[in-house]
Amino acid sequence: MPTVSQNSLFGMGNPLLDISAVVDKDFLDKYGLKPNDQILAEEKHKALFDEIVNKSKVEYHAGGSTQNSVKIAQWMIQEPHKVATFFGCIGTDHFGEILKQKAAEAHVDAHYYEQNQEPTGTCAACITGDNRSLVANLAAANCYNKEKHLDIESNWSLVEKARVYYIAEAATFAKEQGFETEDIAEIAHRVQNLPKVNKNRQRIVVFTQGREDTVATVGDKVKMFPVLDIDQNDIVDTNGAGDAFVGGFLSALVQDQPLEECIRAGHYAAHVIIRRSGCTFPEKPDFH
């Protein structure tokens, strides 16, 4: 495999501490939760986070979409550690300390902006049987301060060190751009042709579609890449699949692999993650 240097992948987004625990139906009912759902916490959910920690056996993971992706990229690469850098905002609190520890265990070079106005963002995964009800409280994640963090010389030097940058949140892109089409291949083609500052490299556009083919622009063409077959009975949890695909894709991209290989790595990572509960993975990847 080509060697890759530290801090060559940069990610920025909402850092959340994932807190997962098995709960009962009464717990869901108490907070008005559906067994299988993803919601943002409202006022009525504020006590849920303390209660789930106090009453249950909980597991903690570094979470949030972008942080998941760089964590998986690092897992795919394995060595050296700290290929992935991550920036985001947390609170100066107990959950923040756990998040720092979990990011370090994942060998991600996380540099958080810490403030005390809002608590560290959390995502409670309330598990009942095969179902997971996710409740996210972004809190501190919304408080990132560019001047107090990104612009500091030591932090900006990490941005400059990177070769590949990833910031999520592109789902409503076509709508915002007023493309007026739902044809995925057509959208990919149009996104590729949007104005671009750096003319040296052509923009690559990739759309995943769950179990349907992954769509990507290769040169001026749009190509379809079938995902790996999986028995439906082996699927445990599809929640982290998209983040996992991105992580696998980035792990190959940062090593200058061709697009086809990046997509193969993305499909592999997603294939591993959907067989497990939450965005978790075995100790080492089995990817060749």
C-alpha atoms as a PDB file:
ATOM      1  CA  MET A   1       0.000   0.000   0.000  1.00  0.00           C
ATOM      2  CA  PRO A   2       1.214   3.551  -0.617  1.00  0.00           C
ATOM      3  CA  THR A   3       2.426   5.302   2.502  1.00  0.00           C
ATOM      4  CA  VAL A   4       0.380   8.190   3.820  1.00  0.00           C
ATOM      5  CA  SER A   5       1.472  10.930   6.194  1.00  0.00           C
ATOM      6  CA  GLN A   6      -0.057  12.215   9.416  1.00  0.00           C
ATOM      7  CA  ASN A   7      -2.711  14.932   9.204  1.00  0.00           C
ATOM      8  CA  SER A   8      -3.180  14.454   5.462  1.00  0.00           C
ATOM      9  CA  LEU A   9      -6.967  14.031   5.850  1.00  0.00           C
ATOM     10  CA  PHE A  10      -8.926  16.909   7.391  1.00  0.00           C
ATOM     11  CA  GLY A  11     -12.515  16.738   8.609  1.00  0.00           C
ATOM     12  CA  MET A  12     -14.674  19.344  10.280  1.00  0.00           C
ATOM     13  CA  GLY A  13     -18.201  18.967  11.624  1.00  0.00           C
ATOM     14  CA  ASN A  14     -20.448  18.382  14.625  1.00  0.00           C
ATOM     15  CA  PRO A  15     -18.676  16.253  17.251  1.00  0.00           C
ATOM     16  CA  LEU A  16     -21.196  14.236  19.248  1.00  0.00           C
ATOM     17  CA  LEU A  17     -20.596  11.736  22.005  1.00  0.00           C
ATOM     18  CA  ASP A  18     -22.644   8.680  21.069  1.00  0.00           C
ATOM     19  CA  ILE A  19     -24.233   7.148  24.158  1.00  0.00           C
ATOM     20  CA  SER A  20     -25.922   3.825  23.478  1.00  0.00           C
ATOM     21  CA  ALA A  21     -27.889   1.737  25.919  1.00  0.00           C
ATOM     22  CA  VAL A  22     -30.627  -0.868  25.936  1.00  0.00           C
ATOM     23  CA  VAL A  23     -33.863   0.659  27.260  1.00  0.00           C
ATOM     24  CA  ASP A  24     -37.455  -0.549  27.682  1.00  0.00           C
ATOM     25  CA  LYS A  25     -40.674   0.567  26.055  1.00  0.00           C
ATOM     26  CA  ASP A  26     -41.569   2.632  29.140  1.00  0.00           C
ATOM     27  CA  PHE A  27     -38.424   4.696  28.625  1.00  0.00           C
ATOM     28  CA  LEU A  28     -39.387   5.396  24.991  1.00  0.00           C
ATOM     29  CA  ASP A  29     -42.946   6.266  25.983  1.00  0.00           C
ATOM     30  CA  LYS A  30     -41.777   8.577  28.760  1.00  0.00           C
ATOM     31  CA  TYR A  31     -39.903  10.723  26.234  1.00  0.00           C
ATOM     32  CA  GLY A  32     -42.362  10.250  23.365  1.00  0.00           C
ATOM     33  CA  LEU A  33     -39.892   8.314  21.194  1.00  0.00           C
ATOM     34  CA  LYS A  34     -40.595   5.902  18.336  1.00  0.00           C
ATOM     35  CA  PRO A  35     -38.652   2.597  18.400  1.00  0.00           C
ATOM     36  CA  ASN A  36     -36.841   3.347  15.113  1.00  0.00           C
ATOM     37  CA  ASP A  37     -36.254   7.035  14.538  1.00  0.00           C
ATOM     38  CA  GLN A  38     -33.764   9.885  14.339  1.00  0.00           C
ATOM     39  CA  ILE A  39     -34.713  13.184  15.936  1.00  0.00           C
ATOM     40  CA  LEU A  40     -33.158  16.334  17.326  1.00  0.00           C
ATOM     41  CA  ALA A  41     -33.643  16.740  21.074  1.00  0.00           C
ATOM     42  CA  GLU A  42     -36.285  19.191  22.258  1.00  0.00           C
ATOM     43  CA  GLU A  43     -36.728  20.664  25.731  1.00  0.00           C
ATOM     44  CA  LYS A  44     -38.658  17.557  26.869  1.00  0.00           C
ATOM     45  CA  HIS A  45     -35.659  15.339  26.049  1.00  0.00           C
ATOM     46  CA  LYS A  46     -33.078  17.252  28.112  1.00  0.00           C
ATOM     47  CA  ALA A  47     -33.345  14.910  31.129  1.00  0.00           C
ATOM     48  CA  LEU A  48     -33.092  11.824  28.894  1.00  0.00           C
ATOM     49  CA  PHE A  49     -29.304  12.052  28.550  1.00  0.00           C
ATOM     50  CA  ASP A  50     -28.633  12.004  32.293  1.00  0.00           C
ATOM     51  CA  GLU A  51     -31.232   9.325  32.892  1.00  0.00           C
ATOM     52  CA  ILE A  52     -29.858   6.950  30.254  1.00  0.00           C
ATOM     53  CA  VAL A  53     -26.358   7.278  31.747  1.00  0.00           C
ATOM     54  CA  ASN A  54     -27.560   6.786  35.343  1.00  0.00           C
ATOM     55  CA  LYS A  55     -29.918   3.886  34.854  1.00  0.00           C
ATOM     56  CA  SER A  56     -28.285   1.787  32.151  1.00  0.00           C
ATOM     57  CA  LYS A  57     -25.102   0.068  31.128  1.00  0.00           C
ATOM     58  CA  VAL A  58     -23.917   2.494  28.452  1.00  0.00           C
ATOM     59  CA  GLU A  59     -21.351   2.406  25.668  1.00  0.00           C
ATOM     60  CA  TYR A  60     -19.619   5.579  24.528  1.00  0.00           C
ATOM     61  CA  HIS A  61     -18.248   6.279  21.043  1.00  0.00           C
ATOM     62  CA  ALA A  62     -16.948   9.366  19.273  1.00  0.00           C
ATOM     63  CA  GLY A  63     -19.769  10.266  16.910  1.00  0.00           C
ATOM     64  CA  GLY A  64     -21.290  12.842  14.617  1.00  0.00           C
ATOM     65  CA  SER A  65     -21.343  12.238  10.866  1.00  0.00           C
ATOM     66  CA  THR A  66     -17.991  13.745   9.829  1.00  0.00           C
ATOM     67  CA  GLN A  67     -16.164  12.456  12.891  1.00  0.00           C
ATOM     68  CA  ASN A  68     -17.517   8.956  12.140  1.00  0.00           C
ATOM     69  CA  SER A  69     -16.183   9.183   8.597  1.00  0.00           C
ATOM     70  CA  VAL A  70     -12.651  10.274   9.530  1.00  0.00           C
ATOM     71  CA  LYS A  71     -12.627   7.663  12.312  1.00  0.00           C
ATOM     72  CA  ILE A  72     -13.440   4.933   9.768  1.00  0.00           C
ATOM     73  CA  ALA A  73     -10.863   6.297   7.315  1.00  0.00           C
ATOM     74  CA  GLN A  74      -8.259   6.054  10.078  1.00  0.00           C
ATOM     75  CA  TRP A  75      -9.383   2.496  10.872  1.00  0.00           C
ATOM     76  CA  MET A  76      -9.039   1.500   7.200  1.00  0.00           C
ATOM     77  CA  ILE A  77      -5.543   3.020   7.005  1.00  0.00           C
ATOM     78  CA  GLN A  78      -4.420   1.679  10.430  1.00  0.00           C
ATOM     79  CA  GLU A  79      -0.838   3.006  10.314  1.00  0.00           C
ATOM     80  CA  PRO A  80       0.376   5.648  10.855  1.00  0.00           C
ATOM     81  CA  HIS A  81      -1.958   6.938  13.552  1.00  0.00           C
ATOM     82  CA  LYS A  82      -3.351  10.473  13.254  1.00  0.00           C
ATOM     83  CA  VAL A  83      -3.660  10.500   9.461  1.00  0.00           C
ATOM     84  CA  ALA A  84      -7.064  12.049  10.138  1.00  0.00           C
ATOM     85  CA  THR A  85      -7.425  15.479  11.762  1.00  0.00           C
ATOM     86  CA  PHE A  86     -10.795  16.562  13.129  1.00  0.00           C
ATOM     87  CA  PHE A  87     -12.052  20.005  14.249  1.00  0.00           C
ATOM     88  CA  GLY A  88     -15.310  20.758  16.043  1.00  0.00           C
ATOM     89  CA  CYS A  89     -16.690  22.299  19.225  1.00  0.00           C
ATOM     90  CA  ILE A  90     -17.321  20.624  22.604  1.00  0.00           C
ATOM     91  CA  GLY A  91     -18.103  21.744  26.143  1.00  0.00           C
ATOM     92  CA  THR A  92     -15.746  21.833  29.098  1.00  0.00           C
ATOM     93  CA  ASP A  93     -17.520  18.943  30.833  1.00  0.00           C
ATOM     94  CA  HIS A  94     -17.450  15.231  31.638  1.00  0.00           C
ATOM     95  CA  PHE A  95     -18.906  14.179  28.269  1.00  0.00           C
ATOM     96  CA  GLY A  96     -16.284  16.345  26.546  1.00  0.00           C
ATOM     97  CA  GLU A  97     -13.513  14.508  28.396  1.00  0.00           C
ATOM     98  CA  ILE A  98     -14.959  11.129  27.356  1.00  0.00           C
ATOM     99  CA  LEU A  99     -15.202  12.335  23.750  1.00  0.00           C
ATOM    100  CA  LYS A 100     -11.537  13.376  23.744  1.00  0.00           C
ATOM    101  CA  GLN A 101     -10.582   9.974  25.133  1.00  0.00           C
ATOM    102  CA  LYS A 102     -12.686   8.116  22.540  1.00  0.00           C
ATOM    103  CA  ALA A 103     -11.256  10.125  19.636  1.00  0.00           C
ATOM    104  CA  ALA A 104      -7.742   9.367  20.913  1.00  0.00           C
ATOM    105  CA  GLU A 105      -8.579   5.645  21.138  1.00  0.00           C
ATOM    106  CA  ALA A 106      -9.670   5.808  17.483  1.00  0.00           C
ATOM    107  CA  HIS A 107      -6.234   7.360  16.706  1.00  0.00           C
ATOM    108  CA  VAL A 108      -7.857  10.479  15.240  1.00  0.00           C
ATOM    109  CA  ASP A 109      -6.001  13.747  15.826  1.00  0.00           C
ATOM    110  CA  ALA A 110      -8.949  15.668  17.267  1.00  0.00           C
ATOM    111  CA  HIS A 111      -8.511  19.342  18.122  1.00  0.00           C
ATOM    112  CA  TYR A 112     -11.709  20.576  19.719  1.00  0.00           C
ATOM    113  CA  TYR A 113     -12.650  24.160  20.413  1.00  0.00           C
ATOM    114  CA  GLU A 114     -13.756  24.015  24.055  1.00  0.00           C
ATOM    115  CA  GLN A 115     -16.259  26.487  25.496  1.00  0.00           C
ATOM    116  CA  ASN A 116     -18.481  26.577  28.596  1.00  0.00           C
ATOM    117  CA  GLN A 117     -21.672  28.197  27.230  1.00  0.00           C
ATOM    118  CA  GLU A 118     -23.133  24.919  25.966  1.00  0.00           C
ATOM    119  CA  PRO A 119     -22.562  21.270  26.991  1.00  0.00           C
ATOM    120  CA  THR A 120     -20.841  18.758  24.709  1.00  0.00           C
ATOM    121  CA  GLY A 121     -23.159  17.528  21.954  1.00  0.00           C
ATOM    122  CA  THR A 122     -24.559  14.061  22.494  1.00  0.00           C
ATOM    123  CA  CYS A 123     -26.514  11.453  20.583  1.00  0.00           C
ATOM    124  CA  ALA A 124     -28.449   8.932  22.659  1.00  0.00           C
ATOM    125  CA  ALA A 125     -29.082   5.616  20.932  1.00  0.00           C
ATOM    126  CA  CYS A 126     -31.993   4.052  22.812  1.00  0.00           C
ATOM    127  CA  ILE A 127     -31.965   0.384  21.844  1.00  0.00           C
ATOM    128  CA  THR A 128     -35.025  -1.860  22.095  1.00  0.00           C
ATOM    129  CA  GLY A 129     -34.574  -5.264  20.471  1.00  0.00           C
ATOM    130  CA  ASP A 130     -33.433  -4.666  16.883  1.00  0.00           C
ATOM    131  CA  ASN A 131     -34.563  -1.040  16.946  1.00  0.00           C
ATOM    132  CA  ARG A 132     -32.616   2.113  17.677  1.00  0.00           C
ATOM    133  CA  SER A 133     -34.180   5.447  18.485  1.00  0.00           C
ATOM    134  CA  LEU A 134     -31.603   8.208  18.047  1.00  0.00           C
ATOM    135  CA  VAL A 135     -31.919  11.515  19.873  1.00  0.00           C
ATOM    136  CA  ALA A 136     -29.256  14.101  19.058  1.00  0.00           C
ATOM    137  CA  ASN A 137     -28.563  17.200  21.112  1.00  0.00           C
ATOM    138  CA  LEU A 138     -26.138  19.306  19.042  1.00  0.00           C
ATOM    139  CA  ALA A 139     -25.564  21.807  21.885  1.00  0.00           C
ATOM    140  CA  ALA A 140     -21.861  22.769  21.811  1.00  0.00           C
ATOM    141  CA  ALA A 141     -21.482  21.490  18.236  1.00  0.00           C
ATOM    142  CA  ASN A 142     -23.306  24.650  17.119  1.00  0.00           C
ATOM    143  CA  CYS A 143     -20.893  26.943  18.990  1.00  0.00           C
ATOM    144  CA  TYR A 144     -17.766  26.603  16.862  1.00  0.00           C
ATOM    145  CA  ASN A 145     -15.820  29.859  16.681  1.00  0.00           C
ATOM    146  CA  LYS A 146     -13.583  30.345  13.649  1.00  0.00           C
ATOM    147  CA  GLU A 147     -11.592  33.266  15.121  1.00  0.00           C
ATOM    148  CA  LYS A 148     -10.930  31.463  18.394  1.00  0.00           C
ATOM    149  CA  HIS A 149      -9.973  28.139  16.870  1.00  0.00           C
ATOM    150  CA  LEU A 150      -9.514  27.781  13.099  1.00  0.00           C
ATOM    151  CA  ASP A 151      -7.544  31.020  12.780  1.00  0.00           C
ATOM    152  CA  ILE A 152      -5.061  30.112  15.523  1.00  0.00           C
ATOM    153  CA  GLU A 153      -1.723  29.464  13.857  1.00  0.00           C
ATOM    154  CA  SER A 154      -1.145  25.982  15.310  1.00  0.00           C
ATOM    155  CA  ASN A 155      -4.607  24.871  14.148  1.00  0.00           C
ATOM    156  CA  TRP A 156      -4.426  26.515  10.738  1.00  0.00           C
ATOM    157  CA  SER A 157      -1.088  24.782  10.119  1.00  0.00           C
ATOM    158  CA  LEU A 158      -2.946  21.450  10.389  1.00  0.00           C
ATOM    159  CA  VAL A 159      -5.428  22.642   7.759  1.00  0.00           C
ATOM    160  CA  GLU A 160      -2.518  23.533   5.466  1.00  0.00           C
ATOM    161  CA  LYS A 161      -0.872  20.157   6.080  1.00  0.00           C
ATOM    162  CA  ALA A 162      -3.907  18.274   4.762  1.00  0.00           C
ATOM    163  CA  ARG A 163      -4.336  17.077   1.181  1.00  0.00           C
ATOM    164  CA  VAL A 164      -7.950  15.895   1.361  1.00  0.00           C
ATOM    165  CA  TYR A 165     -10.751  17.852   3.068  1.00  0.00           C
ATOM    166  CA  TYR A 166     -14.140  16.515   4.063  1.00  0.00           C
ATOM    167  CA  ILE A 167     -17.117  18.467   5.321  1.00  0.00           C
ATOM    168  CA  ALA A 168     -20.497  16.677   5.179  1.00  0.00           C
ATOM    169  CA  GLU A 169     -24.003  18.118   4.937  1.00  0.00           C
ATOM    170  CA  ALA A 170     -24.686  18.037   1.152  1.00  0.00           C
ATOM    171  CA  ALA A 171     -28.030  16.214   1.164  1.00  0.00           C
ATOM    172  CA  THR A 172     -30.255  19.141   0.147  1.00  0.00           C
ATOM    173  CA  PHE A 173     -27.712  20.394  -2.358  1.00  0.00           C
ATOM    174  CA  ALA A 174     -29.596  19.708  -5.607  1.00  0.00           C
ATOM    175  CA  LYS A 175     -32.742  21.325  -4.224  1.00  0.00           C
ATOM    176  CA  GLU A 176     -30.823  24.406  -3.066  1.00  0.00           C
ATOM    177  CA  GLN A 177     -29.192  24.668  -6.489  1.00  0.00           C
ATOM    178  CA  GLY A 178     -32.614  24.543  -8.152  1.00  0.00           C
ATOM    179  CA  PHE A 179     -31.668  21.617 -10.416  1.00  0.00           C
ATOM    180  CA  GLU A 180     -35.326  20.603 -10.894  1.00  0.00           C
ATOM    181  CA  THR A 181     -34.468  16.964 -11.575  1.00  0.00           C
ATOM    182  CA  GLU A 182     -34.486  13.821  -9.460  1.00  0.00           C
ATOM    183  CA  ASP A 183     -32.348  11.819 -11.874  1.00  0.00           C
ATOM    184  CA  ILE A 184     -29.275  10.992  -9.770  1.00  0.00           C
ATOM    185  CA  ALA A 185     -26.944  10.634 -12.760  1.00  0.00           C
ATOM    186  CA  GLU A 186     -28.100  13.986 -14.140  1.00  0.00           C
ATOM    187  CA  ILE A 187     -27.597  15.678 -10.755  1.00  0.00           C
ATOM    188  CA  ALA A 188     -24.080  14.193 -10.510  1.00  0.00           C
ATOM    189  CA  HIS A 189     -23.267  15.530 -13.979  1.00  0.00           C
ATOM    190  CA  ARG A 190     -24.562  19.012 -13.123  1.00  0.00           C
ATOM    191  CA  VAL A 191     -22.762  19.170  -9.784  1.00  0.00           C
ATOM    192  CA  GLN A 192     -19.520  18.259 -11.537  1.00  0.00           C
ATOM    193  CA  ASN A 193     -19.955  21.184 -13.914  1.00  0.00           C
ATOM    194  CA  LEU A 194     -20.630  23.822 -11.265  1.00  0.00           C
ATOM    195  CA  PRO A 195     -18.034  26.646 -11.115  1.00  0.00           C
ATOM    196  CA  LYS A 196     -14.802  25.589  -9.420  1.00  0.00           C
ATOM    197  CA  VAL A 197     -11.912  27.678  -8.091  1.00  0.00           C
ATOM    198  CA  ASN A 198      -9.121  25.111  -8.501  1.00  0.00           C
ATOM    199  CA  LYS A 199      -8.980  24.329 -12.217  1.00  0.00           C
ATOM    200  CA  ASN A 200      -6.089  21.840 -11.856  1.00  0.00           C
ATOM    201  CA  ARG A 201      -8.294  18.986 -10.712  1.00  0.00           C
ATOM    202  CA  GLN A 202     -11.681  17.940 -11.991  1.00  0.00           C
ATOM    203  CA  ARG A 203     -14.375  17.712  -9.342  1.00  0.00           C
ATOM    204  CA  ILE A 204     -15.399  14.169  -8.430  1.00  0.00           C
ATOM    205  CA  VAL A 205     -19.056  13.640  -7.526  1.00  0.00           C
ATOM    206  CA  VAL A 206     -20.220  10.482  -5.751  1.00  0.00           C
ATOM    207  CA  PHE A 207     -23.765   9.628  -4.650  1.00  0.00           C
ATOM    208  CA  THR A 208     -24.618   6.522  -2.633  1.00  0.00           C
ATOM    209  CA  GLN A 209     -28.132   5.052  -2.776  1.00  0.00           C
ATOM    210  CA  GLY A 210     -28.283   2.414  -0.056  1.00  0.00           C
ATOM    211  CA  ARG A 211     -28.527  -1.008  -1.687  1.00  0.00           C
ATOM    212  CA  GLU A 212     -28.825   0.547  -5.170  1.00  0.00           C
ATOM    213  CA  ASP A 213     -25.735   1.280  -7.299  1.00  0.00           C
ATOM    214  CA  THR A 214     -23.332   4.020  -6.255  1.00  0.00           C
ATOM    215  CA  VAL A 215     -23.205   6.796  -8.870  1.00  0.00           C
ATOM    216  CA  ALA A 216     -19.950   8.609  -9.657  1.00  0.00           C
ATOM    217  CA  THR A 217     -18.492  10.920 -12.262  1.00  0.00           C
ATOM    218  CA  VAL A 218     -15.437   9.465 -13.992  1.00  0.00           C
ATOM    219  CA  GLY A 219     -13.896  12.090 -16.251  1.00  0.00           C
ATOM    220  CA  ASP A 220     -16.866  13.464 -18.191  1.00  0.00           C
ATOM    221  CA  LYS A 221     -18.924  10.299 -17.863  1.00  0.00           C
ATOM    222  CA  VAL A 222     -21.290   9.165 -15.128  1.00  0.00           C
ATOM    223  CA  LYS A 223     -20.757   5.536 -14.066  1.00  0.00           C
ATOM    224  CA  MET A 224     -22.653   3.099 -11.842  1.00  0.00           C
ATOM    225  CA  PHE A 225     -20.868   0.903  -9.283  1.00  0.00           C
ATOM    226  CA  PRO A 226     -22.838  -2.008  -7.773  1.00  0.00           C
ATOM    227  CA  VAL A 227     -22.600  -2.383  -3.989  1.00  0.00           C
ATOM    228  CA  LEU A 228     -21.476  -5.640  -2.355  1.00  0.00           C
ATOM    229  CA  ASP A 229     -24.183  -8.282  -2.015  1.00  0.00           C
ATOM    230  CA  ILE A 230     -25.348  -8.926   1.518  1.00  0.00           C
ATOM    231  CA  ASP A 231     -27.961 -11.256   2.941  1.00  0.00           C
ATOM    232  CA  GLN A 232     -30.726  -9.063   4.410  1.00  0.00           C
ATOM    233  CA  ASN A 233     -30.584 -11.215   7.573  1.00  0.00           C
ATOM    234  CA  ASP A 234     -26.976 -10.115   8.162  1.00  0.00           C
ATOM    235  CA  ILE A 235     -27.912  -6.436   8.316  1.00  0.00           C
ATOM    236  CA  VAL A 236     -27.923  -5.273  11.928  1.00  0.00           C
ATOM    237  CA  ASP A 237     -28.014  -1.489  11.637  1.00  0.00           C
ATOM    238  CA  THR A 238     -27.849   0.714   8.535  1.00  0.00           C
ATOM    239  CA  ASN A 239     -27.496   3.984  10.460  1.00  0.00           C
ATOM    240  CA  GLY A 240     -23.749   4.405   9.982  1.00  0.00           C
ATOM    241  CA  ALA A 241     -23.608   3.087   6.406  1.00  0.00           C
ATOM    242  CA  GLY A 242     -23.274   6.459   4.666  1.00  0.00           C
ATOM    243  CA  ASP A 243     -20.599   7.729   7.075  1.00  0.00           C
ATOM    244  CA  ALA A 244     -18.765   4.418   6.671  1.00  0.00           C
ATOM    245  CA  PHE A 245     -18.808   4.630   2.875  1.00  0.00           C
ATOM    246  CA  VAL A 246     -17.290   8.111   3.060  1.00  0.00           C
ATOM    247  CA  GLY A 247     -14.635   6.908   5.518  1.00  0.00           C
ATOM    248  CA  GLY A 248     -13.597   4.021   3.298  1.00  0.00           C
ATOM    249  CA  PHE A 249     -13.623   6.251   0.226  1.00  0.00           C
ATOM    250  CA  LEU A 250     -11.448   8.903   1.918  1.00  0.00           C
ATOM    251  CA  SER A 251      -8.959   6.300   3.177  1.00  0.00           C
ATOM    252  CA  ALA A 252      -8.171   5.350  -0.431  1.00  0.00           C
ATOM    253  CA  LEU A 253      -8.411   8.900  -1.810  1.00  0.00           C
ATOM    254  CA  VAL A 254      -5.831  10.211   0.646  1.00  0.00           C
ATOM    255  CA  GLN A 255      -3.510   7.457  -0.631  1.00  0.00           C
ATOM    256  CA  ASP A 256      -3.949   8.653  -4.240  1.00  0.00           C
ATOM    257  CA  GLN A 257      -5.880   5.565  -5.294  1.00  0.00           C
ATOM    258  CA  PRO A 258      -8.001   5.765  -8.473  1.00  0.00           C
ATOM    259  CA  LEU A 259     -11.718   6.501  -8.105  1.00  0.00           C
ATOM    260  CA  GLU A 260     -12.780   2.874  -8.698  1.00  0.00           C
ATOM    261  CA  GLU A 261     -10.553   1.794  -5.795  1.00  0.00           C
ATOM    262  CA  CYS A 262     -11.912   4.578  -3.537  1.00  0.00           C
ATOM    263  CA  ILE A 263     -15.451   3.372  -4.197  1.00  0.00           C
ATOM    264  CA  ARG A 264     -14.445  -0.261  -3.581  1.00  0.00           C
ATOM    265  CA  ALA A 265     -12.989   0.786  -0.200  1.00  0.00           C
ATOM    266  CA  GLY A 266     -16.171   2.744   0.561  1.00  0.00           C
ATOM    267  CA  HIS A 267     -18.379  -0.232  -0.253  1.00  0.00           C
ATOM    268  CA  TYR A 268     -16.199  -2.482   1.896  1.00  0.00           C
ATOM    269  CA  ALA A 269     -16.376  -0.179   4.945  1.00  0.00           C
ATOM    270  CA  ALA A 270     -20.160   0.217   4.655  1.00  0.00           C
ATOM    271  CA  HIS A 271     -20.494  -3.568   4.262  1.00  0.00           C
ATOM    272  CA  VAL A 272     -18.667  -4.064   7.588  1.00  0.00           C
ATOM    273  CA  ILE A 273     -20.541  -1.365   9.506  1.00  0.00           C
ATOM    274  CA  ILE A 274     -24.089  -2.457   8.606  1.00  0.00           C
ATOM    275  CA  ARG A 275     -23.419  -5.880  10.148  1.00  0.00           C
ATOM    276  CA  ARG A 276     -22.776  -4.251  13.535  1.00  0.00           C
ATOM    277  CA  SER A 277     -24.729  -2.158  15.990  1.00  0.00           C
ATOM    278  CA  GLY A 278     -23.872   1.545  15.799  1.00  0.00           C
ATOM    279  CA  CYS A 279     -20.936   2.970  13.882  1.00  0.00           C
ATOM    280  CA  THR A 280     -18.453   0.409  15.247  1.00  0.00           C
ATOM    281  CA  PHE A 281     -15.895  -1.865  13.632  1.00  0.00           C
ATOM    282  CA  PRO A 282     -13.640  -4.840  14.356  1.00  0.00           C
ATOM    283  CA  GLU A 283     -10.032  -4.277  15.387  1.00  0.00           C
ATOM    284  CA  LYS A 284      -8.627  -4.468  11.864  1.00  0.00           C
ATOM    285  CA  PRO A 285     -10.112  -4.270   8.367  1.00  0.00           C
ATOM    286  CA  ASP A 286      -9.862  -7.255   6.025  1.00  0.00           C
ATOM    287  CA  PHE A 287      -9.569  -5.218   2.852  1.00  0.00           C
ATOM    288  CA  HIS A 288      -7.163  -6.091   0.036  1.00  0.00           C
END
